[in-house]
Amino acid sequence: MITPPLVILLIVVGWSAAALAMLWGMLRVARHHHKPSREARRDQNQPRTESHTAHVSLSA
């Protein structure tokens, strides 16, 4: 016979598993449907250049 504490434990474990499965599914769908903008894709394809460099001349 199943004891009441075991029933409660099984209910909590079952609900937790269902919640985690739904969260995983929603994150998967959101990641699949999120399309980066064209500018972001263009930025990823181009090599990064340092735009904040200081040009210093030591000649007097």
PDB file of N, CA and C in Angstrom:
ATOM      1  N   MET A   1       0.842  -1.192   0.000  1.00  0.00           N
ATOM      2  CA  MET A   1       0.000   0.000   0.000  1.00  0.00           C
ATOM      3  C   MET A   1       0.885   1.253   0.000  1.00  0.00           C
ATOM      4  N   ILE A   2       0.439   2.255  -0.725  1.00  0.00           N
ATOM      5  CA  ILE A   2       1.201   3.504  -0.812  1.00  0.00           C
ATOM      6  C   ILE A   2       0.820   4.401   0.364  1.00  0.00           C
ATOM      7  N   THR A   3       1.832   4.896   1.042  1.00  0.00           N
ATOM      8  CA  THR A   3       1.588   5.748   2.213  1.00  0.00           C
ATOM      9  C   THR A   3       1.324   7.184   1.761  1.00  0.00           C
ATOM     10  N   PRO A   4       0.597   7.963   2.553  1.00  0.00           N
ATOM     11  CA  PRO A   4       0.305   9.352   2.190  1.00  0.00           C
ATOM     12  C   PRO A   4       1.549  10.221   1.921  1.00  0.00           C
ATOM     13  N   PRO A   5       2.629  10.094   2.706  1.00  0.00           N
ATOM     14  CA  PRO A   5       3.815  10.904   2.360  1.00  0.00           C
ATOM     15  C   PRO A   5       4.394  10.550   0.985  1.00  0.00           C
ATOM     16  N   LEU A   6       4.321   9.271   0.615  1.00  0.00           N
ATOM     17  CA  LEU A   6       4.816   8.869  -0.702  1.00  0.00           C
ATOM     18  C   LEU A   6       3.937   9.442  -1.811  1.00  0.00           C
ATOM     19  N   VAL A   7       2.632   9.493  -1.573  1.00  0.00           N
ATOM     20  CA  VAL A   7       1.718  10.080  -2.554  1.00  0.00           C
ATOM     21  C   VAL A   7       2.057  11.552  -2.756  1.00  0.00           C
ATOM     22  N   ILE A   8       2.277  12.263  -1.674  1.00  0.00           N
ATOM     23  CA  ILE A   8       2.622  13.690  -1.768  1.00  0.00           C
ATOM     24  C   ILE A   8       3.941  13.873  -2.504  1.00  0.00           C
ATOM     25  N   LEU A   9       4.916  13.024  -2.177  1.00  0.00           N
ATOM     26  CA  LEU A   9       6.209  13.107  -2.854  1.00  0.00           C
ATOM     27  C   LEU A   9       6.062  12.845  -4.348  1.00  0.00           C
ATOM     28  N   LEU A  10       5.288  11.839  -4.718  1.00  0.00           N
ATOM     29  CA  LEU A  10       5.081  11.540  -6.141  1.00  0.00           C
ATOM     30  C   LEU A  10       4.357  12.678  -6.860  1.00  0.00           C
ATOM     31  N   ILE A  11       3.403  13.313  -6.186  1.00  0.00           N
ATOM     32  CA  ILE A  11       2.693  14.450  -6.791  1.00  0.00           C
ATOM     33  C   ILE A  11       3.668  15.603  -7.028  1.00  0.00           C
ATOM     34  N   VAL A  12       4.503  15.899  -6.023  1.00  0.00           N
ATOM     35  CA  VAL A  12       5.467  17.005  -6.168  1.00  0.00           C
ATOM     36  C   VAL A  12       6.471  16.698  -7.273  1.00  0.00           C
ATOM     37  N   VAL A  13       6.975  15.487  -7.317  1.00  0.00           N
ATOM     38  CA  VAL A  13       7.940  15.110  -8.356  1.00  0.00           C
ATOM     39  C   VAL A  13       7.287  15.159  -9.735  1.00  0.00           C
ATOM     40  N   GLY A  14       6.064  14.684  -9.840  1.00  0.00           N
ATOM     41  CA  GLY A  14       5.358  14.704 -11.120  1.00  0.00           C
ATOM     42  C   GLY A  14       5.103  16.116 -11.628  1.00  0.00           C
ATOM     43  N   TRP A  15       4.619  16.996 -10.746  1.00  0.00           N
ATOM     44  CA  TRP A  15       4.374  18.381 -11.142  1.00  0.00           C
ATOM     45  C   TRP A  15       5.686  19.091 -11.504  1.00  0.00           C
ATOM     46  N   SER A  16       6.732  18.804 -10.768  1.00  0.00           N
ATOM     47  CA  SER A  16       8.030  19.425 -11.077  1.00  0.00           C
ATOM     48  C   SER A  16       8.543  18.961 -12.436  1.00  0.00           C
ATOM     49  N   ALA A  17       8.405  17.680 -12.721  1.00  0.00           N
ATOM     50  CA  ALA A  17       8.848  17.163 -14.015  1.00  0.00           C
ATOM     51  C   ALA A  17       8.038  17.786 -15.149  1.00  0.00           C
ATOM     52  N   ALA A  18       6.736  17.934 -14.955  1.00  0.00           N
ATOM     53  CA  ALA A  18       5.893  18.541 -15.981  1.00  0.00           C
ATOM     54  C   ALA A  18       6.267  20.012 -16.191  1.00  0.00           C
ATOM     55  N   ALA A  19       6.518  20.727 -15.105  1.00  0.00           N
ATOM     56  CA  ALA A  19       6.878  22.142 -15.212  1.00  0.00           C
ATOM     57  C   ALA A  19       8.220  22.309 -15.923  1.00  0.00           C
ATOM     58  N   LEU A  20       9.185  21.474 -15.596  1.00  0.00           N
ATOM     59  CA  LEU A  20      10.489  21.559 -16.259  1.00  0.00           C
ATOM     60  C   LEU A  20      10.383  21.213 -17.745  1.00  0.00           C
ATOM     61  N   ALA A  21       9.551  20.229 -18.078  1.00  0.00           N
ATOM     62  CA  ALA A  21       9.371  19.865 -19.483  1.00  0.00           C
ATOM     63  C   ALA A  21       8.733  21.006 -20.256  1.00  0.00           C
ATOM     64  N   MET A  22       7.736  21.670 -19.665  1.00  0.00           N
ATOM     65  CA  MET A  22       7.095  22.801 -20.345  1.00  0.00           C
ATOM     66  C   MET A  22       8.059  23.971 -20.492  1.00  0.00           C
ATOM     67  N   LEU A  23       8.850  24.237 -19.462  1.00  0.00           N
ATOM     68  CA  LEU A  23       9.827  25.319 -19.544  1.00  0.00           C
ATOM     69  C   LEU A  23      10.860  25.026 -20.623  1.00  0.00           C
ATOM     70  N   TRP A  24      11.368  23.808 -20.674  1.00  0.00           N
ATOM     71  CA  TRP A  24      12.332  23.418 -21.697  1.00  0.00           C
ATOM     72  C   TRP A  24      11.724  23.577 -23.092  1.00  0.00           C
ATOM     73  N   GLY A  25      10.474  23.158 -23.254  1.00  0.00           N
ATOM     74  CA  GLY A  25       9.800  23.292 -24.546  1.00  0.00           C
ATOM     75  C   GLY A  25       9.617  24.740 -24.957  1.00  0.00           C
ATOM     76  N   MET A  26       9.228  25.590 -24.008  1.00  0.00           N
ATOM     77  CA  MET A  26       9.038  27.007 -24.336  1.00  0.00           C
ATOM     78  C   MET A  26      10.358  27.670 -24.704  1.00  0.00           C
ATOM     79  N   LEU A  27      11.430  27.336 -23.982  1.00  0.00           N
ATOM     80  CA  LEU A  27      12.733  27.903 -24.316  1.00  0.00           C
ATOM     81  C   LEU A  27      13.193  27.433 -25.689  1.00  0.00           C
ATOM     82  N   ARG A  28      12.914  26.184 -26.017  1.00  0.00           N
ATOM     83  CA  ARG A  28      13.291  25.636 -27.315  1.00  0.00           C
ATOM     84  C   ARG A  28      12.528  26.323 -28.439  1.00  0.00           C
ATOM     85  N   VAL A  29      11.221  26.528 -28.240  1.00  0.00           N
ATOM     86  CA  VAL A  29      10.405  27.208 -29.249  1.00  0.00           C
ATOM     87  C   VAL A  29      10.857  28.655 -29.404  1.00  0.00           C
ATOM     88  N   ALA A  30      11.107  29.331 -28.286  1.00  0.00           N
ATOM     89  CA  ALA A  30      11.527  30.731 -28.343  1.00  0.00           C
ATOM     90  C   ALA A  30      12.863  30.859 -29.062  1.00  0.00           C
ATOM     91  N   ARG A  31      13.795  29.951 -28.794  1.00  0.00           N
ATOM     92  CA  ARG A  31      15.097  29.992 -29.454  1.00  0.00           C
ATOM     93  C   ARG A  31      14.960  29.701 -30.942  1.00  0.00           C
ATOM     94  N   HIS A  32      14.041  28.795 -31.294  1.00  0.00           N
ATOM     95  CA  HIS A  32      13.863  28.416 -32.698  1.00  0.00           C
ATOM     96  C   HIS A  32      13.228  29.555 -33.494  1.00  0.00           C
ATOM     97  N   HIS A  33      12.292  30.281 -32.891  1.00  0.00           N
ATOM     98  CA  HIS A  33      11.564  31.318 -33.616  1.00  0.00           C
ATOM     99  C   HIS A  33      12.223  32.680 -33.554  1.00  0.00           C
ATOM    100  N   HIS A  34      13.235  32.831 -32.738  1.00  0.00           N
ATOM    101  CA  HIS A  34      13.920  34.122 -32.649  1.00  0.00           C
ATOM    102  C   HIS A  34      14.880  34.242 -33.815  1.00  0.00           C
ATOM    103  N   LYS A  35      14.586  35.184 -34.699  1.00  0.00           N
ATOM    104  CA  LYS A  35      15.457  35.426 -35.847  1.00  0.00           C
ATOM    105  C   LYS A  35      16.242  36.712 -35.592  1.00  0.00           C
ATOM    106  N   PRO A  36      17.564  36.649 -35.598  1.00  0.00           N
ATOM    107  CA  PRO A  36      18.334  37.880 -35.402  1.00  0.00           C
ATOM    108  C   PRO A  36      18.121  38.836 -36.578  1.00  0.00           C
ATOM    109  N   SER A  37      18.228  40.113 -36.308  1.00  0.00           N
ATOM    110  CA  SER A  37      18.043  41.104 -37.363  1.00  0.00           C
ATOM    111  C   SER A  37      19.163  40.996 -38.393  1.00  0.00           C
ATOM    112  N   ARG A  38      18.946  41.603 -39.547  1.00  0.00           N
ATOM    113  CA  ARG A  38      19.948  41.545 -40.609  1.00  0.00           C
ATOM    114  C   ARG A  38      21.245  42.220 -40.182  1.00  0.00           C
ATOM    115  N   GLU A  39      21.119  43.313 -39.420  1.00  0.00           N
ATOM    116  CA  GLU A  39      22.321  44.016 -38.962  1.00  0.00           C
ATOM    117  C   GLU A  39      23.143  43.129 -38.025  1.00  0.00           C
ATOM    118  N   ALA A  40      22.475  42.387 -37.149  1.00  0.00           N
ATOM    119  CA  ALA A  40      23.194  41.507 -36.226  1.00  0.00           C
ATOM    120  C   ALA A  40      23.897  40.394 -36.997  1.00  0.00           C
ATOM    121  N   ARG A  41      23.219  39.861 -38.023  1.00  0.00           N
ATOM    122  CA  ARG A  41      23.847  38.818 -38.832  1.00  0.00           C
ATOM    123  C   ARG A  41      25.042  39.383 -39.596  1.00  0.00           C
ATOM    124  N   ARG A  42      24.914  40.596 -40.098  1.00  0.00           N
ATOM    125  CA  ARG A  42      26.004  41.218 -40.840  1.00  0.00           C
ATOM    126  C   ARG A  42      27.190  41.478 -39.917  1.00  0.00           C
ATOM    127  N   ASP A  43      26.896  41.894 -38.675  1.00  0.00           N
ATOM    128  CA  ASP A  43      27.969  42.142 -37.709  1.00  0.00           C
ATOM    129  C   ASP A  43      28.701  40.851 -37.349  1.00  0.00           C
ATOM    130  N   GLN A  44      27.983  39.744 -37.295  1.00  0.00           N
ATOM    131  CA  GLN A  44      28.626  38.474 -36.947  1.00  0.00           C
ATOM    132  C   GLN A  44      29.554  38.003 -38.056  1.00  0.00           C
ATOM    133  N   ASN A  45      29.224  38.306 -39.311  1.00  0.00           N
ATOM    134  CA  ASN A  45      30.020  37.836 -40.436  1.00  0.00           C
ATOM    135  C   ASN A  45      31.299  38.652 -40.627  1.00  0.00           C
ATOM    136  N   GLN A  46      31.280  39.907 -40.212  1.00  0.00           N
ATOM    137  CA  GLN A  46      32.453  40.761 -40.400  1.00  0.00           C
ATOM    138  C   GLN A  46      33.410  40.590 -39.232  1.00  0.00           C
ATOM    139  N   PRO A  47      34.711  40.609 -39.511  1.00  0.00           N
ATOM    140  CA  PRO A  47      35.666  40.526 -38.403  1.00  0.00           C
ATOM    141  C   PRO A  47      35.594  41.784 -37.549  1.00  0.00           C
ATOM    142  N   ARG A  48      35.798  41.607 -36.280  1.00  0.00           N
ATOM    143  CA  ARG A  48      35.721  42.752 -35.363  1.00  0.00           C
ATOM    144  C   ARG A  48      36.991  43.583 -35.467  1.00  0.00           C
ATOM    145  N   THR A  49      36.813  44.877 -35.550  1.00  0.00           N
ATOM    146  CA  THR A  49      37.945  45.801 -35.553  1.00  0.00           C
ATOM    147  C   THR A  49      37.826  46.678 -34.318  1.00  0.00           C
ATOM    148  N   GLU A  50      38.934  47.052 -33.801  1.00  0.00           N
ATOM    149  CA  GLU A  50      38.947  47.895 -32.604  1.00  0.00           C
ATOM    150  C   GLU A  50      38.693  49.334 -33.039  1.00  0.00           C
ATOM    151  N   SER A  51      37.558  49.889 -32.661  1.00  0.00           N
ATOM    152  CA  SER A  51      37.197  51.235 -33.093  1.00  0.00           C
ATOM    153  C   SER A  51      37.550  52.296 -32.054  1.00  0.00           C
ATOM    154  N   HIS A  52      38.012  51.888 -30.897  1.00  0.00           N
ATOM    155  CA  HIS A  52      38.298  52.841 -29.829  1.00  0.00           C
ATOM    156  C   HIS A  52      39.801  52.953 -29.579  1.00  0.00           C
ATOM    157  N   THR A  53      40.569  52.872 -30.619  1.00  0.00           N
ATOM    158  CA  THR A  53      42.019  52.982 -30.421  1.00  0.00           C
ATOM    159  C   THR A  53      42.439  54.451 -30.476  1.00  0.00           C
ATOM    160  N   ALA A  54      43.421  54.799 -29.702  1.00  0.00           N
ATOM    161  CA  ALA A  54      43.934  56.169 -29.685  1.00  0.00           C
ATOM    162  C   ALA A  54      45.224  56.186 -30.514  1.00  0.00           C
ATOM    163  N   HIS A  55      45.292  57.123 -31.448  1.00  0.00           N
ATOM    164  CA  HIS A  55      46.485  57.281 -32.283  1.00  0.00           C
ATOM    165  C   HIS A  55      47.338  58.384 -31.692  1.00  0.00           C
ATOM    166  N   VAL A  56      48.522  58.021 -31.225  1.00  0.00           N
ATOM    167  CA  VAL A  56      49.400  58.964 -30.541  1.00  0.00           C
ATOM    168  C   VAL A  56      50.663  59.130 -31.362  1.00  0.00           C
ATOM    169  N   SER A  57      51.059  60.383 -31.587  1.00  0.00           N
ATOM    170  CA  SER A  57      52.293  60.665 -32.305  1.00  0.00           C
ATOM    171  C   SER A  57      53.326  61.162 -31.293  1.00  0.00           C
ATOM    172  N   LEU A  58      54.531  60.555 -31.309  1.00  0.00           N
ATOM    173  CA  LEU A  58      55.581  60.957 -30.376  1.00  0.00           C
ATOM    174  C   LEU A  58      56.559  61.960 -30.970  1.00  0.00           C
ATOM    175  N   SER A  59      56.349  62.353 -32.203  1.00  0.00           N
ATOM    176  CA  SER A  59      57.259  63.335 -32.825  1.00  0.00           C
ATOM    177  C   SER A  59      56.926  64.738 -32.297  1.00  0.00           C
ATOM    178  N   ALA A  60      57.974  65.543 -32.114  1.00  0.00           N
ATOM    179  CA  ALA A  60      57.783  66.873 -31.545  1.00  0.00           C
ATOM    180  C   ALA A  60      57.551  67.917 -32.577  1.00  0.00           C
TER     181      ALA A  60
END
